[in-house]
Amino acid sequence: MAQCPHCLRTDEQVKNGKTAAGSQLYRCKVCRRKYTPEPQAHGYDQATRQRAIRLALDGNSQRQAARHAGVSHGSLANWLKQYADELPTTLPLPDQPVEVAEQDELFTFLGEKKTKSTS
């Protein structure tokens, strides 16, 4: 039988529905408090979170990544913010001195358009 965590009594305990996660909810008739003796974990597991974050980092939009992972896009946004906050603020230094460094080209057009806008 269930035991009230507040008054520690095992008698006068009645079932009182279920929680949103599906755990049995009890009510103590003596102290009138509600409790769940064996609460179930709610939320997404760590593997689902990592999969959704990886989908977003691989180039999908947040909504696409959330849709493919089967989670809410708001949850994914929160997970991405938490992931970004956990990243180190400085890059690690190389173990050996750098002898050759490569730089990619960047082309930027700063002139005028060939045709003028008609509006």
C-alpha atoms as a PDB file:
ATOM      1  CA  MET A   1       0.000   0.000   0.000  1.00  0.00           C
ATOM      2  CA  ALA A   2       1.113   3.551  -0.603  1.00  0.00           C
ATOM      3  CA  GLN A   3       2.576   5.632   2.223  1.00  0.00           C
ATOM      4  CA  CYS A   4       2.046   9.367   2.519  1.00  0.00           C
ATOM      5  CA  PRO A   5       5.442  11.122   2.396  1.00  0.00           C
ATOM      6  CA  HIS A   6       4.124  13.962   4.607  1.00  0.00           C
ATOM      7  CA  CYS A   7       2.407  12.208   7.547  1.00  0.00           C
ATOM      8  CA  LEU A   8       3.959   8.727   6.886  1.00  0.00           C
ATOM      9  CA  ARG A   9       0.639   6.914   7.242  1.00  0.00           C
ATOM     10  CA  THR A  10      -0.305   3.913   5.135  1.00  0.00           C
ATOM     11  CA  ASP A  11      -4.014   3.827   5.974  1.00  0.00           C
ATOM     12  CA  GLU A  12      -6.565   6.235   4.545  1.00  0.00           C
ATOM     13  CA  GLN A  13      -4.771   6.459   1.170  1.00  0.00           C
ATOM     14  CA  VAL A  14      -7.011   6.644  -1.910  1.00  0.00           C
ATOM     15  CA  LYS A  15      -6.267   6.749  -5.617  1.00  0.00           C
ATOM     16  CA  ASN A  16      -6.787  10.197  -7.082  1.00  0.00           C
ATOM     17  CA  GLY A  17      -6.269   9.912 -10.850  1.00  0.00           C
ATOM     18  CA  LYS A  18      -3.040   9.994 -12.818  1.00  0.00           C
ATOM     19  CA  THR A  19      -0.390  12.598 -13.549  1.00  0.00           C
ATOM     20  CA  ALA A  20       0.324  13.936 -17.049  1.00  0.00           C
ATOM     21  CA  ALA A  21       3.250  11.507 -17.282  1.00  0.00           C
ATOM     22  CA  GLY A  22       0.958   8.568 -16.461  1.00  0.00           C
ATOM     23  CA  SER A  23       1.958   7.890 -12.822  1.00  0.00           C
ATOM     24  CA  GLN A  24      -0.695   6.948 -10.275  1.00  0.00           C
ATOM     25  CA  LEU A  25      -1.693   9.875  -8.044  1.00  0.00           C
ATOM     26  CA  TYR A  26      -2.794   9.290  -4.457  1.00  0.00           C
ATOM     27  CA  ARG A  27      -4.485  11.490  -1.851  1.00  0.00           C
ATOM     28  CA  CYS A  28      -4.051  11.104   1.879  1.00  0.00           C
ATOM     29  CA  LYS A  29      -7.384  11.429   3.704  1.00  0.00           C
ATOM     30  CA  VAL A  30      -5.611  12.413   6.925  1.00  0.00           C
ATOM     31  CA  CYS A  31      -3.453  15.345   5.762  1.00  0.00           C
ATOM     32  CA  ARG A  32      -5.314  15.856   2.438  1.00  0.00           C
ATOM     33  CA  ARG A  33      -2.118  16.066   0.401  1.00  0.00           C
ATOM     34  CA  LYS A  34      -1.624  14.584  -3.048  1.00  0.00           C
ATOM     35  CA  TYR A  35       1.490  12.599  -3.927  1.00  0.00           C
ATOM     36  CA  THR A  36       2.948  10.112  -6.386  1.00  0.00           C
ATOM     37  CA  PRO A  37       4.883   7.258  -4.771  1.00  0.00           C
ATOM     38  CA  GLU A  38       6.682   6.233  -7.982  1.00  0.00           C
ATOM     39  CA  PRO A  39       6.873   9.253 -10.320  1.00  0.00           C
ATOM     40  CA  GLN A  40       7.737   8.579 -13.949  1.00  0.00           C
ATOM     41  CA  ALA A  41      10.311  10.650 -15.753  1.00  0.00           C
ATOM     42  CA  HIS A  42       8.800  13.071 -18.244  1.00  0.00           C
ATOM     43  CA  GLY A  43      10.457  14.851 -21.124  1.00  0.00           C
ATOM     44  CA  TYR A  44      12.698  13.606 -23.906  1.00  0.00           C
ATOM     45  CA  ASP A  45      15.605  11.243 -23.371  1.00  0.00           C
ATOM     46  CA  GLN A  46      19.191  12.344 -23.989  1.00  0.00           C
ATOM     47  CA  ALA A  47      19.500  10.399 -27.273  1.00  0.00           C
ATOM     48  CA  THR A  48      16.504  12.235 -28.771  1.00  0.00           C
ATOM     49  CA  ARG A  49      17.927  15.580 -27.667  1.00  0.00           C
ATOM     50  CA  GLN A  50      21.333  14.842 -29.204  1.00  0.00           C
ATOM     51  CA  ARG A  51      19.714  13.668 -32.471  1.00  0.00           C
ATOM     52  CA  ALA A  52      17.637  16.847 -32.740  1.00  0.00           C
ATOM     53  CA  ILE A  53      20.651  19.068 -32.005  1.00  0.00           C
ATOM     54  CA  ARG A  54      22.745  17.178 -34.596  1.00  0.00           C
ATOM     55  CA  LEU A  55      20.006  17.629 -37.224  1.00  0.00           C
ATOM     56  CA  ALA A  56      19.943  21.379 -36.552  1.00  0.00           C
ATOM     57  CA  LEU A  57      23.742  21.655 -36.651  1.00  0.00           C
ATOM     58  CA  ASP A  58      23.870  19.709 -39.929  1.00  0.00           C
ATOM     59  CA  GLY A  59      22.088  22.517 -41.751  1.00  0.00           C
ATOM     60  CA  ASN A  60      18.385  21.905 -41.228  1.00  0.00           C
ATOM     61  CA  SER A  61      16.254  24.733 -39.913  1.00  0.00           C
ATOM     62  CA  GLN A  62      15.113  24.413 -36.315  1.00  0.00           C
ATOM     63  CA  ARG A  63      11.568  23.547 -37.374  1.00  0.00           C
ATOM     64  CA  GLN A  64      12.764  20.916 -39.869  1.00  0.00           C
ATOM     65  CA  ALA A  65      15.109  19.342 -37.322  1.00  0.00           C
ATOM     66  CA  ALA A  66      12.367  19.297 -34.697  1.00  0.00           C
ATOM     67  CA  ARG A  67       9.895  17.760 -37.159  1.00  0.00           C
ATOM     68  CA  HIS A  68      12.343  15.001 -38.161  1.00  0.00           C
ATOM     69  CA  ALA A  69      13.238  14.243 -34.532  1.00  0.00           C
ATOM     70  CA  GLY A  70       9.588  14.292 -33.444  1.00  0.00           C
ATOM     71  CA  VAL A  71      10.003  17.036 -30.834  1.00  0.00           C
ATOM     72  CA  SER A  72       8.684  20.548 -30.306  1.00  0.00           C
ATOM     73  CA  HIS A  73      10.592  23.343 -32.066  1.00  0.00           C
ATOM     74  CA  GLY A  74      10.507  25.347 -28.823  1.00  0.00           C
ATOM     75  CA  SER A  75      12.212  22.506 -26.977  1.00  0.00           C
ATOM     76  CA  LEU A  76      14.847  22.291 -29.690  1.00  0.00           C
ATOM     77  CA  ALA A  77      15.492  26.036 -29.440  1.00  0.00           C
ATOM     78  CA  ASN A  78      16.023  25.667 -25.681  1.00  0.00           C
ATOM     79  CA  TRP A  79      18.357  22.704 -26.181  1.00  0.00           C
ATOM     80  CA  LEU A  80      20.395  24.603 -28.778  1.00  0.00           C
ATOM     81  CA  LYS A  81      20.747  27.574 -26.439  1.00  0.00           C
ATOM     82  CA  GLN A  82      21.889  25.283 -23.638  1.00  0.00           C
ATOM     83  CA  TYR A  83      24.330  23.554 -26.025  1.00  0.00           C
ATOM     84  CA  ALA A  84      25.756  26.918 -27.107  1.00  0.00           C
ATOM     85  CA  ASP A  85      26.144  28.050 -23.492  1.00  0.00           C
ATOM     86  CA  GLU A  86      28.159  24.905 -22.718  1.00  0.00           C
ATOM     87  CA  LEU A  87      30.670  25.505 -25.534  1.00  0.00           C
ATOM     88  CA  PRO A  88      34.079  26.863 -24.488  1.00  0.00           C
ATOM     89  CA  THR A  89      34.560  30.604 -24.941  1.00  0.00           C
ATOM     90  CA  THR A  90      38.101  30.307 -26.315  1.00  0.00           C
ATOM     91  CA  LEU A  91      39.496  27.957 -28.926  1.00  0.00           C
ATOM     92  CA  PRO A  92      42.154  25.475 -27.815  1.00  0.00           C
ATOM     93  CA  LEU A  93      45.722  26.311 -28.773  1.00  0.00           C
ATOM     94  CA  PRO A  94      47.570  23.938 -31.125  1.00  0.00           C
ATOM     95  CA  ASP A  95      50.012  21.476 -29.595  1.00  0.00           C
ATOM     96  CA  GLN A  96      52.730  22.270 -32.150  1.00  0.00           C
ATOM     97  CA  PRO A  97      53.707  25.582 -33.736  1.00  0.00           C
ATOM     98  CA  VAL A  98      51.836  26.398 -36.950  1.00  0.00           C
ATOM     99  CA  GLU A  99      54.129  26.453 -39.999  1.00  0.00           C
ATOM    100  CA  VAL A 100      51.618  26.800 -42.840  1.00  0.00           C
ATOM    101  CA  ALA A 101      48.286  28.628 -42.716  1.00  0.00           C
ATOM    102  CA  GLU A 102      45.753  28.687 -45.558  1.00  0.00           C
ATOM    103  CA  GLN A 103      43.246  31.403 -46.280  1.00  0.00           C
ATOM    104  CA  ASP A 104      40.215  31.040 -48.519  1.00  0.00           C
ATOM    105  CA  GLU A 105      39.345  33.666 -51.086  1.00  0.00           C
ATOM    106  CA  LEU A 106      36.444  36.011 -50.539  1.00  0.00           C
ATOM    107  CA  PHE A 107      34.820  37.925 -53.393  1.00  0.00           C
ATOM    108  CA  THR A 108      32.584  40.869 -52.579  1.00  0.00           C
ATOM    109  CA  PHE A 109      30.930  43.075 -55.196  1.00  0.00           C
ATOM    110  CA  LEU A 110      30.862  46.756 -54.219  1.00  0.00           C
ATOM    111  CA  GLY A 111      29.935  48.349 -57.546  1.00  0.00           C
ATOM    112  CA  GLU A 112      26.573  49.273 -59.061  1.00  0.00           C
ATOM    113  CA  LYS A 113      23.949  47.076 -60.669  1.00  0.00           C
ATOM    114  CA  LYS A 114      23.876  46.988 -64.448  1.00  0.00           C
ATOM    115  CA  THR A 115      20.148  47.744 -64.600  1.00  0.00           C
ATOM    116  CA  LYS A 116      18.323  50.315 -62.593  1.00  0.00           C
ATOM    117  CA  SER A 117      15.232  49.490 -60.605  1.00  0.00           C
ATOM    118  CA  THR A 118      12.005  50.488 -62.362  1.00  0.00           C
ATOM    119  CA  SER A 119       9.948  51.159 -59.273  1.00  0.00           C
END
